[in-house]
Each structure stands twice: as structure tokens, then as C-alpha cells.
Amino acid sequence: MEYSYPLRNDWTTEEIITVVTFYELIEKAYEEGVRRERLMDAYRAFKAIVPSKAEEKTLFSEFEDVSGYIGYRIVKAAKEGTDGEIIKGTLY
């Protein structure tokens, strides 16, 4: 990884760890796949920190700009998936 995750200065260390964990799972979904339940748990924790849909979209856009990974697609696939499913993203 040669980039910095989009974070906010007013987050606590614990909140930063939670958000970084979520970003890492998005990356993992693109690189090898991740279990839906694990991704949804991380997304719910992320939403506890970033409840605003507008802020979520901003962070996803910033994350995509630095990483090339599209968080929205992964979250959408997870929401539409079923437990036990492996969520795997494609950049195409």
C-alpha cells in the first residue's frame, strides 16, 4: 500500500482503527474476497462513526481516489448478499 487512508482529525484512536479496518476489508474484498458477515459487521461499526450518508460518500470518494477501490460497490454487494457468501469486487 502506497497511500494514506482518508481519516478525520476529530476521530479518536479507536474510531481510526475501526475505519481503517473497514477500508482494509474493502481492499481484501477486491484482492481475495471477504465473508459477507465480516464485511457487514465492519460496515456497521464504520456507520456508527460516520452516520451521515453525505460524509460516507465523501470518504468513499476519497478512498477511491487514493486506492482505486470502490467502497460503494463492495457495500452494495454485501447488502444484497447472503450470510456465508464471499464478497469479491472487480475493478472492471
PDB file of N, CA and C in Angstrom:
ATOM      1  N   MET A   1       0.847  -1.174   0.000  1.00  0.00           N
ATOM      2  CA  MET A   1       0.000   0.000   0.000  1.00  0.00           C
ATOM      3  C   MET A   1       0.893   1.238   0.000  1.00  0.00           C
ATOM      4  N   GLU A   2       0.680   2.086  -0.944  1.00  0.00           N
ATOM      5  CA  GLU A   2       1.482   3.295  -1.088  1.00  0.00           C
ATOM      6  C   GLU A   2       0.622   4.549  -0.962  1.00  0.00           C
ATOM      7  N   TYR A   3      -0.378   4.520  -0.128  1.00  0.00           N
ATOM      8  CA  TYR A   3      -1.266   5.664   0.029  1.00  0.00           C
ATOM      9  C   TYR A   3      -1.750   5.757   1.463  1.00  0.00           C
ATOM     10  N   SER A   4      -2.342   6.897   1.795  1.00  0.00           N
ATOM     11  CA  SER A   4      -2.883   7.123   3.132  1.00  0.00           C
ATOM     12  C   SER A   4      -4.395   7.047   3.088  1.00  0.00           C
ATOM     13  N   TYR A   5      -4.969   6.406   4.075  1.00  0.00           N
ATOM     14  CA  TYR A   5      -6.422   6.317   4.156  1.00  0.00           C
ATOM     15  C   TYR A   5      -7.026   7.674   4.493  1.00  0.00           C
ATOM     16  N   PRO A   6      -8.200   7.972   3.941  1.00  0.00           N
ATOM     17  CA  PRO A   6      -8.884   9.209   4.334  1.00  0.00           C
ATOM     18  C   PRO A   6      -9.440   9.078   5.750  1.00  0.00           C
ATOM     19  N   LEU A   7      -8.977   9.939   6.625  1.00  0.00           N
ATOM     20  CA  LEU A   7      -9.387   9.939   8.026  1.00  0.00           C
ATOM     21  C   LEU A   7      -9.764  11.361   8.421  1.00  0.00           C
ATOM     22  N   ARG A   8     -10.344  11.511   9.602  1.00  0.00           N
ATOM     23  CA  ARG A   8     -10.712  12.827  10.109  1.00  0.00           C
ATOM     24  C   ARG A   8      -9.969  13.101  11.406  1.00  0.00           C
ATOM     25  N   ASN A   9      -9.546  14.349  11.577  1.00  0.00           N
ATOM     26  CA  ASN A   9      -8.746  14.735  12.747  1.00  0.00           C
ATOM     27  C   ASN A   9      -9.494  14.623  14.069  1.00  0.00           C
ATOM     28  N   ASP A  10     -10.815  14.698  14.030  1.00  0.00           N
ATOM     29  CA  ASP A  10     -11.575  14.663  15.280  1.00  0.00           C
ATOM     30  C   ASP A  10     -11.938  13.239  15.729  1.00  0.00           C
ATOM     31  N   TRP A  11     -11.514  12.232  15.002  1.00  0.00           N
ATOM     32  CA  TRP A  11     -11.770  10.856  15.412  1.00  0.00           C
ATOM     33  C   TRP A  11     -10.806  10.434  16.509  1.00  0.00           C
ATOM     34  N   THR A  12     -11.293   9.583  17.401  1.00  0.00           N
ATOM     35  CA  THR A  12     -10.436   9.013  18.432  1.00  0.00           C
ATOM     36  C   THR A  12      -9.565   7.917  17.803  1.00  0.00           C
ATOM     37  N   THR A  13      -8.577   7.478  18.548  1.00  0.00           N
ATOM     38  CA  THR A  13      -7.722   6.390  18.067  1.00  0.00           C
ATOM     39  C   THR A  13      -8.550   5.148  17.776  1.00  0.00           C
ATOM     40  N   GLU A  14      -9.487   4.846  18.648  1.00  0.00           N
ATOM     41  CA  GLU A  14     -10.353   3.679  18.464  1.00  0.00           C
ATOM     42  C   GLU A  14     -11.185   3.817  17.191  1.00  0.00           C
ATOM     43  N   GLU A  15     -11.715   5.005  16.947  1.00  0.00           N
ATOM     44  CA  GLU A  15     -12.506   5.234  15.733  1.00  0.00           C
ATOM     45  C   GLU A  15     -11.638   5.096  14.485  1.00  0.00           C
ATOM     46  N   ILE A  16     -10.418   5.595  14.539  1.00  0.00           N
ATOM     47  CA  ILE A  16      -9.500   5.463  13.399  1.00  0.00           C
ATOM     48  C   ILE A  16      -9.221   3.989  13.114  1.00  0.00           C
ATOM     49  N   ILE A  17      -8.989   3.215  14.149  1.00  0.00           N
ATOM     50  CA  ILE A  17      -8.738   1.780  13.979  1.00  0.00           C
ATOM     51  C   ILE A  17      -9.949   1.110  13.337  1.00  0.00           C
ATOM     52  N   THR A  18     -11.142   1.465  13.776  1.00  0.00           N
ATOM     53  CA  THR A  18     -12.370   0.893  13.221  1.00  0.00           C
ATOM     54  C   THR A  18     -12.517   1.222  11.741  1.00  0.00           C
ATOM     55  N   VAL A  19     -12.279   2.478  11.378  1.00  0.00           N
ATOM     56  CA  VAL A  19     -12.419   2.903   9.977  1.00  0.00           C
ATOM     57  C   VAL A  19     -11.333   2.263   9.113  1.00  0.00           C
ATOM     58  N   VAL A  20     -10.110   2.202   9.609  1.00  0.00           N
ATOM     59  CA  VAL A  20      -9.023   1.577   8.851  1.00  0.00           C
ATOM     60  C   VAL A  20      -9.317   0.095   8.633  1.00  0.00           C
ATOM     61  N   THR A  21      -9.851  -0.568   9.638  1.00  0.00           N
ATOM     62  CA  THR A  21     -10.231  -1.978   9.492  1.00  0.00           C
ATOM     63  C   THR A  21     -11.255  -2.138   8.377  1.00  0.00           C
ATOM     64  N   PHE A  22     -12.231  -1.241   8.318  1.00  0.00           N
ATOM     65  CA  PHE A  22     -13.233  -1.281   7.256  1.00  0.00           C
ATOM     66  C   PHE A  22     -12.581  -1.089   5.887  1.00  0.00           C
ATOM     67  N   TYR A  23     -11.714  -0.091   5.758  1.00  0.00           N
ATOM     68  CA  TYR A  23     -11.013   0.134   4.490  1.00  0.00           C
ATOM     69  C   TYR A  23     -10.205  -1.106   4.087  1.00  0.00           C
ATOM     70  N   GLU A  24      -9.537  -1.715   5.046  1.00  0.00           N
ATOM     71  CA  GLU A  24      -8.740  -2.907   4.756  1.00  0.00           C
ATOM     72  C   GLU A  24      -9.614  -4.047   4.242  1.00  0.00           C
ATOM     73  N   LEU A  25     -10.825  -4.166   4.761  1.00  0.00           N
ATOM     74  CA  LEU A  25     -11.729  -5.208   4.276  1.00  0.00           C
ATOM     75  C   LEU A  25     -12.210  -4.913   2.862  1.00  0.00           C
ATOM     76  N   ILE A  26     -12.400  -3.651   2.531  1.00  0.00           N
ATOM     77  CA  ILE A  26     -12.742  -3.305   1.146  1.00  0.00           C
ATOM     78  C   ILE A  26     -11.599  -3.740   0.224  1.00  0.00           C
ATOM     79  N   GLU A  27     -10.378  -3.424   0.616  1.00  0.00           N
ATOM     80  CA  GLU A  27      -9.216  -3.851  -0.172  1.00  0.00           C
ATOM     81  C   GLU A  27      -9.188  -5.369  -0.312  1.00  0.00           C
ATOM     82  N   LYS A  28      -9.388  -6.051   0.800  1.00  0.00           N
ATOM     83  CA  LYS A  28      -9.354  -7.518   0.795  1.00  0.00           C
ATOM     84  C   LYS A  28     -10.444  -8.090  -0.110  1.00  0.00           C
ATOM     85  N   ALA A  29     -11.604  -7.448  -0.122  1.00  0.00           N
ATOM     86  CA  ALA A  29     -12.694  -7.915  -0.988  1.00  0.00           C
ATOM     87  C   ALA A  29     -12.260  -7.877  -2.452  1.00  0.00           C
ATOM     88  N   TYR A  30     -11.544  -6.853  -2.834  1.00  0.00           N
ATOM     89  CA  TYR A  30     -11.066  -6.759  -4.211  1.00  0.00           C
ATOM     90  C   TYR A  30      -9.918  -7.726  -4.493  1.00  0.00           C
ATOM     91  N   GLU A  31      -9.073  -7.938  -3.524  1.00  0.00           N
ATOM     92  CA  GLU A  31      -7.870  -8.724  -3.744  1.00  0.00           C
ATOM     93  C   GLU A  31      -8.084 -10.234  -3.615  1.00  0.00           C
ATOM     94  N   GLU A  32      -8.953 -10.644  -2.676  1.00  0.00           N
ATOM     95  CA  GLU A  32      -9.127 -12.082  -2.482  1.00  0.00           C
ATOM     96  C   GLU A  32     -10.536 -12.487  -2.077  1.00  0.00           C
ATOM     97  N   GLY A  33     -11.343 -11.550  -1.658  1.00  0.00           N
ATOM     98  CA  GLY A  33     -12.697 -11.855  -1.207  1.00  0.00           C
ATOM     99  C   GLY A  33     -12.777 -11.851   0.308  1.00  0.00           C
ATOM    100  N   VAL A  34     -13.963 -11.533   0.818  1.00  0.00           N
ATOM    101  CA  VAL A  34     -14.169 -11.473   2.264  1.00  0.00           C
ATOM    102  C   VAL A  34     -15.589 -11.943   2.572  1.00  0.00           C
ATOM    103  N   ARG A  35     -15.755 -12.592   3.715  1.00  0.00           N
ATOM    104  CA  ARG A  35     -17.085 -13.091   4.100  1.00  0.00           C
ATOM    105  C   ARG A  35     -18.028 -11.913   4.336  1.00  0.00           C
ATOM    106  N   ARG A  36     -19.225 -12.072   3.856  1.00  0.00           N
ATOM    107  CA  ARG A  36     -20.237 -11.026   3.939  1.00  0.00           C
ATOM    108  C   ARG A  36     -20.456 -10.565   5.382  1.00  0.00           C
ATOM    109  N   GLU A  37     -20.580 -11.507   6.328  1.00  0.00           N
ATOM    110  CA  GLU A  37     -20.868 -11.133   7.715  1.00  0.00           C
ATOM    111  C   GLU A  37     -19.766 -10.245   8.288  1.00  0.00           C
ATOM    112  N   ARG A  38     -18.535 -10.594   7.983  1.00  0.00           N
ATOM    113  CA  ARG A  38     -17.398  -9.810   8.494  1.00  0.00           C
ATOM    114  C   ARG A  38     -17.428  -8.394   7.920  1.00  0.00           C
ATOM    115  N   LEU A  39     -17.715  -8.305   6.639  1.00  0.00           N
ATOM    116  CA  LEU A  39     -17.790  -7.000   5.989  1.00  0.00           C
ATOM    117  C   LEU A  39     -18.948  -6.175   6.544  1.00  0.00           C
ATOM    118  N   MET A  40     -20.108  -6.789   6.741  1.00  0.00           N
ATOM    119  CA  MET A  40     -21.263  -6.060   7.263  1.00  0.00           C
ATOM    120  C   MET A  40     -21.028  -5.613   8.710  1.00  0.00           C
ATOM    121  N   ASP A  41     -20.359  -6.433   9.505  1.00  0.00           N
ATOM    122  CA  ASP A  41     -20.023  -6.019  10.873  1.00  0.00           C
ATOM    123  C   ASP A  41     -19.120  -4.786  10.846  1.00  0.00           C
ATOM    124  N   ALA A  42     -18.118  -4.802   9.963  1.00  0.00           N
ATOM    125  CA  ALA A  42     -17.198  -3.667   9.846  1.00  0.00           C
ATOM    126  C   ALA A  42     -17.932  -2.438   9.315  1.00  0.00           C
ATOM    127  N   TYR A  43     -18.866  -2.645   8.396  1.00  0.00           N
ATOM    128  CA  TYR A  43     -19.623  -1.512   7.846  1.00  0.00           C
ATOM    129  C   TYR A  43     -20.511  -0.889   8.931  1.00  0.00           C
ATOM    130  N   ARG A  44     -21.160  -1.721   9.734  1.00  0.00           N
ATOM    131  CA  ARG A  44     -21.996  -1.190  10.820  1.00  0.00           C
ATOM    132  C   ARG A  44     -21.150  -0.387  11.809  1.00  0.00           C
ATOM    133  N   ALA A  45     -19.954  -0.870  12.119  1.00  0.00           N
ATOM    134  CA  ALA A  45     -19.052  -0.143  13.012  1.00  0.00           C
ATOM    135  C   ALA A  45     -18.619   1.181  12.369  1.00  0.00           C
ATOM    136  N   PHE A  46     -18.342   1.153  11.080  1.00  0.00           N
ATOM    137  CA  PHE A  46     -17.999   2.367  10.327  1.00  0.00           C
ATOM    138  C   PHE A  46     -19.152   3.365  10.378  1.00  0.00           C
ATOM    139  N   LYS A  47     -20.375   2.889  10.191  1.00  0.00           N
ATOM    140  CA  LYS A  47     -21.551   3.768  10.189  1.00  0.00           C
ATOM    141  C   LYS A  47     -21.819   4.360  11.569  1.00  0.00           C
ATOM    142  N   ALA A  48     -21.388   3.694  12.626  1.00  0.00           N
ATOM    143  CA  ALA A  48     -21.532   4.264  13.971  1.00  0.00           C
ATOM    144  C   ALA A  48     -20.640   5.495  14.113  1.00  0.00           C
ATOM    145  N   ILE A  49     -19.554   5.520  13.363  1.00  0.00           N
ATOM    146  CA  ILE A  49     -18.625   6.648  13.395  1.00  0.00           C
ATOM    147  C   ILE A  49     -19.011   7.696  12.352  1.00  0.00           C
ATOM    148  N   VAL A  50     -19.500   7.215  11.218  1.00  0.00           N
ATOM    149  CA  VAL A  50     -19.848   8.093  10.086  1.00  0.00           C
ATOM    150  C   VAL A  50     -21.323   7.862   9.737  1.00  0.00           C
ATOM    151  N   PRO A  51     -22.246   8.385  10.559  1.00  0.00           N
ATOM    152  CA  PRO A  51     -23.663   8.125  10.303  1.00  0.00           C
ATOM    153  C   PRO A  51     -24.217   8.881   9.090  1.00  0.00           C
ATOM    154  N   SER A  52     -23.598   9.974   8.721  1.00  0.00           N
ATOM    155  CA  SER A  52     -24.082  10.796   7.605  1.00  0.00           C
ATOM    156  C   SER A  52     -23.794  10.121   6.270  1.00  0.00           C
ATOM    157  N   LYS A  53     -24.832   9.980   5.439  1.00  0.00           N
ATOM    158  CA  LYS A  53     -24.664   9.407   4.108  1.00  0.00           C
ATOM    159  C   LYS A  53     -23.751  10.286   3.259  1.00  0.00           C
ATOM    160  N   ALA A  54     -23.866  11.606   3.417  1.00  0.00           N
ATOM    161  CA  ALA A  54     -23.023  12.530   2.649  1.00  0.00           C
ATOM    162  C   ALA A  54     -21.553  12.350   3.018  1.00  0.00           C
ATOM    163  N   GLU A  55     -21.264  12.227   4.311  1.00  0.00           N
ATOM    164  CA  GLU A  55     -19.879  12.029   4.741  1.00  0.00           C
ATOM    165  C   GLU A  55     -19.358  10.665   4.287  1.00  0.00           C
ATOM    166  N   GLU A  56     -20.227   9.656   4.325  1.00  0.00           N
ATOM    167  CA  GLU A  56     -19.846   8.334   3.828  1.00  0.00           C
ATOM    168  C   GLU A  56     -19.445   8.427   2.360  1.00  0.00           C
ATOM    169  N   LYS A  57     -20.254   9.096   1.563  1.00  0.00           N
ATOM    170  CA  LYS A  57     -19.947   9.248   0.132  1.00  0.00           C
ATOM    171  C   LYS A  57     -18.637   9.997  -0.071  1.00  0.00           C
ATOM    172  N   THR A  58     -18.406  11.028   0.737  1.00  0.00           N
ATOM    173  CA  THR A  58     -17.153  11.783   0.635  1.00  0.00           C
ATOM    174  C   THR A  58     -15.964  10.889   0.951  1.00  0.00           C
ATOM    175  N   LEU A  59     -16.049  10.126   2.035  1.00  0.00           N
ATOM    176  CA  LEU A  59     -14.951   9.236   2.414  1.00  0.00           C
ATOM    177  C   LEU A  59     -14.730   8.143   1.369  1.00  0.00           C
ATOM    178  N   PHE A  60     -15.813   7.579   0.839  1.00  0.00           N
ATOM    179  CA  PHE A  60     -15.680   6.565  -0.212  1.00  0.00           C
ATOM    180  C   PHE A  60     -14.998   7.152  -1.441  1.00  0.00           C
ATOM    181  N   SER A  61     -15.357   8.379  -1.791  1.00  0.00           N
ATOM    182  CA  SER A  61     -14.746   9.037  -2.944  1.00  0.00           C
ATOM    183  C   SER A  61     -13.258   9.283  -2.698  1.00  0.00           C
ATOM    184  N   GLU A  62     -12.921   9.762  -1.512  1.00  0.00           N
ATOM    185  CA  GLU A  62     -11.513   9.991  -1.165  1.00  0.00           C
ATOM    186  C   GLU A  62     -10.740   8.673  -1.165  1.00  0.00           C
ATOM    187  N   PHE A  63     -11.361   7.620  -0.638  1.00  0.00           N
ATOM    188  CA  PHE A  63     -10.725   6.303  -0.611  1.00  0.00           C
ATOM    189  C   PHE A  63     -10.497   5.793  -2.029  1.00  0.00           C
ATOM    190  N   GLU A  64     -11.479   5.947  -2.887  1.00  0.00           N
ATOM    191  CA  GLU A  64     -11.335   5.524  -4.283  1.00  0.00           C
ATOM    192  C   GLU A  64     -10.222   6.307  -4.979  1.00  0.00           C
ATOM    193  N   ASP A  65     -10.150   7.604  -4.715  1.00  0.00           N
ATOM    194  CA  ASP A  65      -9.118   8.442  -5.331  1.00  0.00           C
ATOM    195  C   ASP A  65      -7.710   7.963  -4.986  1.00  0.00           C
ATOM    196  N   VAL A  66      -7.493   7.554  -3.741  1.00  0.00           N
ATOM    197  CA  VAL A  66      -6.145   7.154  -3.336  1.00  0.00           C
ATOM    198  C   VAL A  66      -5.850   5.675  -3.593  1.00  0.00           C
ATOM    199  N   SER A  67      -6.880   4.834  -3.591  1.00  0.00           N
ATOM    200  CA  SER A  67      -6.651   3.394  -3.673  1.00  0.00           C
ATOM    201  C   SER A  67      -7.080   2.769  -5.002  1.00  0.00           C
ATOM    202  N   GLY A  68      -8.067   3.372  -5.640  1.00  0.00           N
ATOM    203  CA  GLY A  68      -8.640   2.766  -6.837  1.00  0.00           C
ATOM    204  C   GLY A  68      -9.761   1.789  -6.526  1.00  0.00           C
ATOM    205  N   TYR A  69     -10.011   1.514  -5.254  1.00  0.00           N
ATOM    206  CA  TYR A  69     -11.062   0.584  -4.843  1.00  0.00           C
ATOM    207  C   TYR A  69     -12.359   1.343  -4.589  1.00  0.00           C
ATOM    208  N   ILE A  70     -13.466   0.771  -5.048  1.00  0.00           N
ATOM    209  CA  ILE A  70     -14.765   1.434  -4.960  1.00  0.00           C
ATOM    210  C   ILE A  70     -15.557   0.836  -3.798  1.00  0.00           C
ATOM    211  N   GLY A  71     -15.552   1.542  -2.676  1.00  0.00           N
ATOM    212  CA  GLY A  71     -16.214   1.057  -1.473  1.00  0.00           C
ATOM    213  C   GLY A  71     -17.704   0.850  -1.646  1.00  0.00           C
ATOM    214  N   TYR A  72     -18.356   1.750  -2.382  1.00  0.00           N
ATOM    215  CA  TYR A  72     -19.797   1.656  -2.576  1.00  0.00           C
ATOM    216  C   TYR A  72     -20.182   0.313  -3.185  1.00  0.00           C
ATOM    217  N   ARG A  73     -19.443  -0.123  -4.187  1.00  0.00           N
ATOM    218  CA  ARG A  73     -19.771  -1.398  -4.858  1.00  0.00           C
ATOM    219  C   ARG A  73     -19.693  -2.577  -3.895  1.00  0.00           C
ATOM    220  N   ILE A  74     -18.679  -2.565  -3.038  1.00  0.00           N
ATOM    221  CA  ILE A  74     -18.496  -3.666  -2.093  1.00  0.00           C
ATOM    222  C   ILE A  74     -19.613  -3.671  -1.056  1.00  0.00           C
ATOM    223  N   VAL A  75     -19.950  -2.504  -0.536  1.00  0.00           N
ATOM    224  CA  VAL A  75     -21.027  -2.416   0.456  1.00  0.00           C
ATOM    225  C   VAL A  75     -22.354  -2.833  -0.179  1.00  0.00           C
ATOM    226  N   LYS A  76     -22.606  -2.392  -1.400  1.00  0.00           N
ATOM    227  CA  LYS A  76     -23.846  -2.756  -2.098  1.00  0.00           C
ATOM    228  C   LYS A  76     -23.926  -4.271  -2.282  1.00  0.00           C
ATOM    229  N   ALA A  77     -22.832  -4.887  -2.700  1.00  0.00           N
ATOM    230  CA  ALA A  77     -22.802  -6.341  -2.879  1.00  0.00           C
ATOM    231  C   ALA A  77     -23.042  -7.050  -1.549  1.00  0.00           C
ATOM    232  N   ALA A  78     -22.472  -6.535  -0.479  1.00  0.00           N
ATOM    233  CA  ALA A  78     -22.659  -7.147   0.836  1.00  0.00           C
ATOM    234  C   ALA A  78     -24.103  -7.021   1.302  1.00  0.00           C
ATOM    235  N   LYS A  79     -24.698  -5.843   1.086  1.00  0.00           N
ATOM    236  CA  LYS A  79     -26.093  -5.643   1.486  1.00  0.00           C
ATOM    237  C   LYS A  79     -27.035  -6.560   0.719  1.00  0.00           C
ATOM    238  N   GLU A  80     -26.720  -6.818  -0.533  1.00  0.00           N
ATOM    239  CA  GLU A  80     -27.577  -7.658  -1.378  1.00  0.00           C
ATOM    240  C   GLU A  80     -27.259  -9.143  -1.218  1.00  0.00           C
ATOM    241  N   GLY A  81     -26.136  -9.467  -0.578  1.00  0.00           N
ATOM    242  CA  GLY A  81     -25.703 -10.848  -0.432  1.00  0.00           C
ATOM    243  C   GLY A  81     -26.395 -11.571   0.709  1.00  0.00           C
ATOM    244  N   THR A  82     -25.961 -12.791   0.907  1.00  0.00           N
ATOM    245  CA  THR A  82     -26.498 -13.613   1.988  1.00  0.00           C
ATOM    246  C   THR A  82     -25.354 -14.073   2.881  1.00  0.00           C
ATOM    247  N   ASP A  83     -25.685 -14.396   4.131  1.00  0.00           N
ATOM    248  CA  ASP A  83     -24.666 -14.864   5.066  1.00  0.00           C
ATOM    249  C   ASP A  83     -23.955 -16.091   4.496  1.00  0.00           C
ATOM    250  N   GLY A  84     -22.657 -16.144   4.724  1.00  0.00           N
ATOM    251  CA  GLY A  84     -21.845 -17.242   4.216  1.00  0.00           C
ATOM    252  C   GLY A  84     -21.232 -16.943   2.859  1.00  0.00           C
ATOM    253  N   GLU A  85     -21.751 -15.945   2.194  1.00  0.00           N
ATOM    254  CA  GLU A  85     -21.265 -15.577   0.866  1.00  0.00           C
ATOM    255  C   GLU A  85     -19.922 -14.857   0.975  1.00  0.00           C
ATOM    256  N   ILE A  86     -19.084 -15.078  -0.016  1.00  0.00           N
ATOM    257  CA  ILE A  86     -17.819 -14.359  -0.123  1.00  0.00           C
ATOM    258  C   ILE A  86     -18.046 -13.187  -1.068  1.00  0.00           C
ATOM    259  N   ILE A  87     -17.769 -11.991  -0.573  1.00  0.00           N
ATOM    260  CA  ILE A  87     -17.918 -10.779  -1.385  1.00  0.00           C
ATOM    261  C   ILE A  87     -16.590 -10.522  -2.063  1.00  0.00           C
ATOM    262  N   LYS A  88     -16.626 -10.432  -3.377  1.00  0.00           N
ATOM    263  CA  LYS A  88     -15.422 -10.218  -4.154  1.00  0.00           C
ATOM    264  C   LYS A  88     -15.696  -9.110  -5.151  1.00  0.00           C
ATOM    265  N   GLY A  89     -14.863  -8.086  -5.134  1.00  0.00           N
ATOM    266  CA  GLY A  89     -15.037  -6.961  -6.035  1.00  0.00           C
ATOM    267  C   GLY A  89     -14.239  -7.128  -7.309  1.00  0.00           C
ATOM    268  N   THR A  90     -14.664  -6.392  -8.310  1.00  0.00           N
ATOM    269  CA  THR A  90     -13.954  -6.326  -9.565  1.00  0.00           C
ATOM    270  C   THR A  90     -13.845  -4.874  -9.976  1.00  0.00           C
ATOM    271  N   LEU A  91     -12.717  -4.485 -10.481  1.00  0.00           N
ATOM    272  CA  LEU A  91     -12.498  -3.096 -10.856  1.00  0.00           C
ATOM    273  C   LEU A  91     -12.975  -2.799 -12.275  1.00  0.00           C
ATOM    274  N   TYR A  92     -13.539  -3.773 -12.946  1.00  0.00           N
ATOM    275  CA  TYR A  92     -13.972  -3.579 -14.333  1.00  0.00           C
ATOM    276  C   TYR A  92     -15.448  -3.348 -14.430  1.00  0.00           C
TER     277      TYR A  92
END
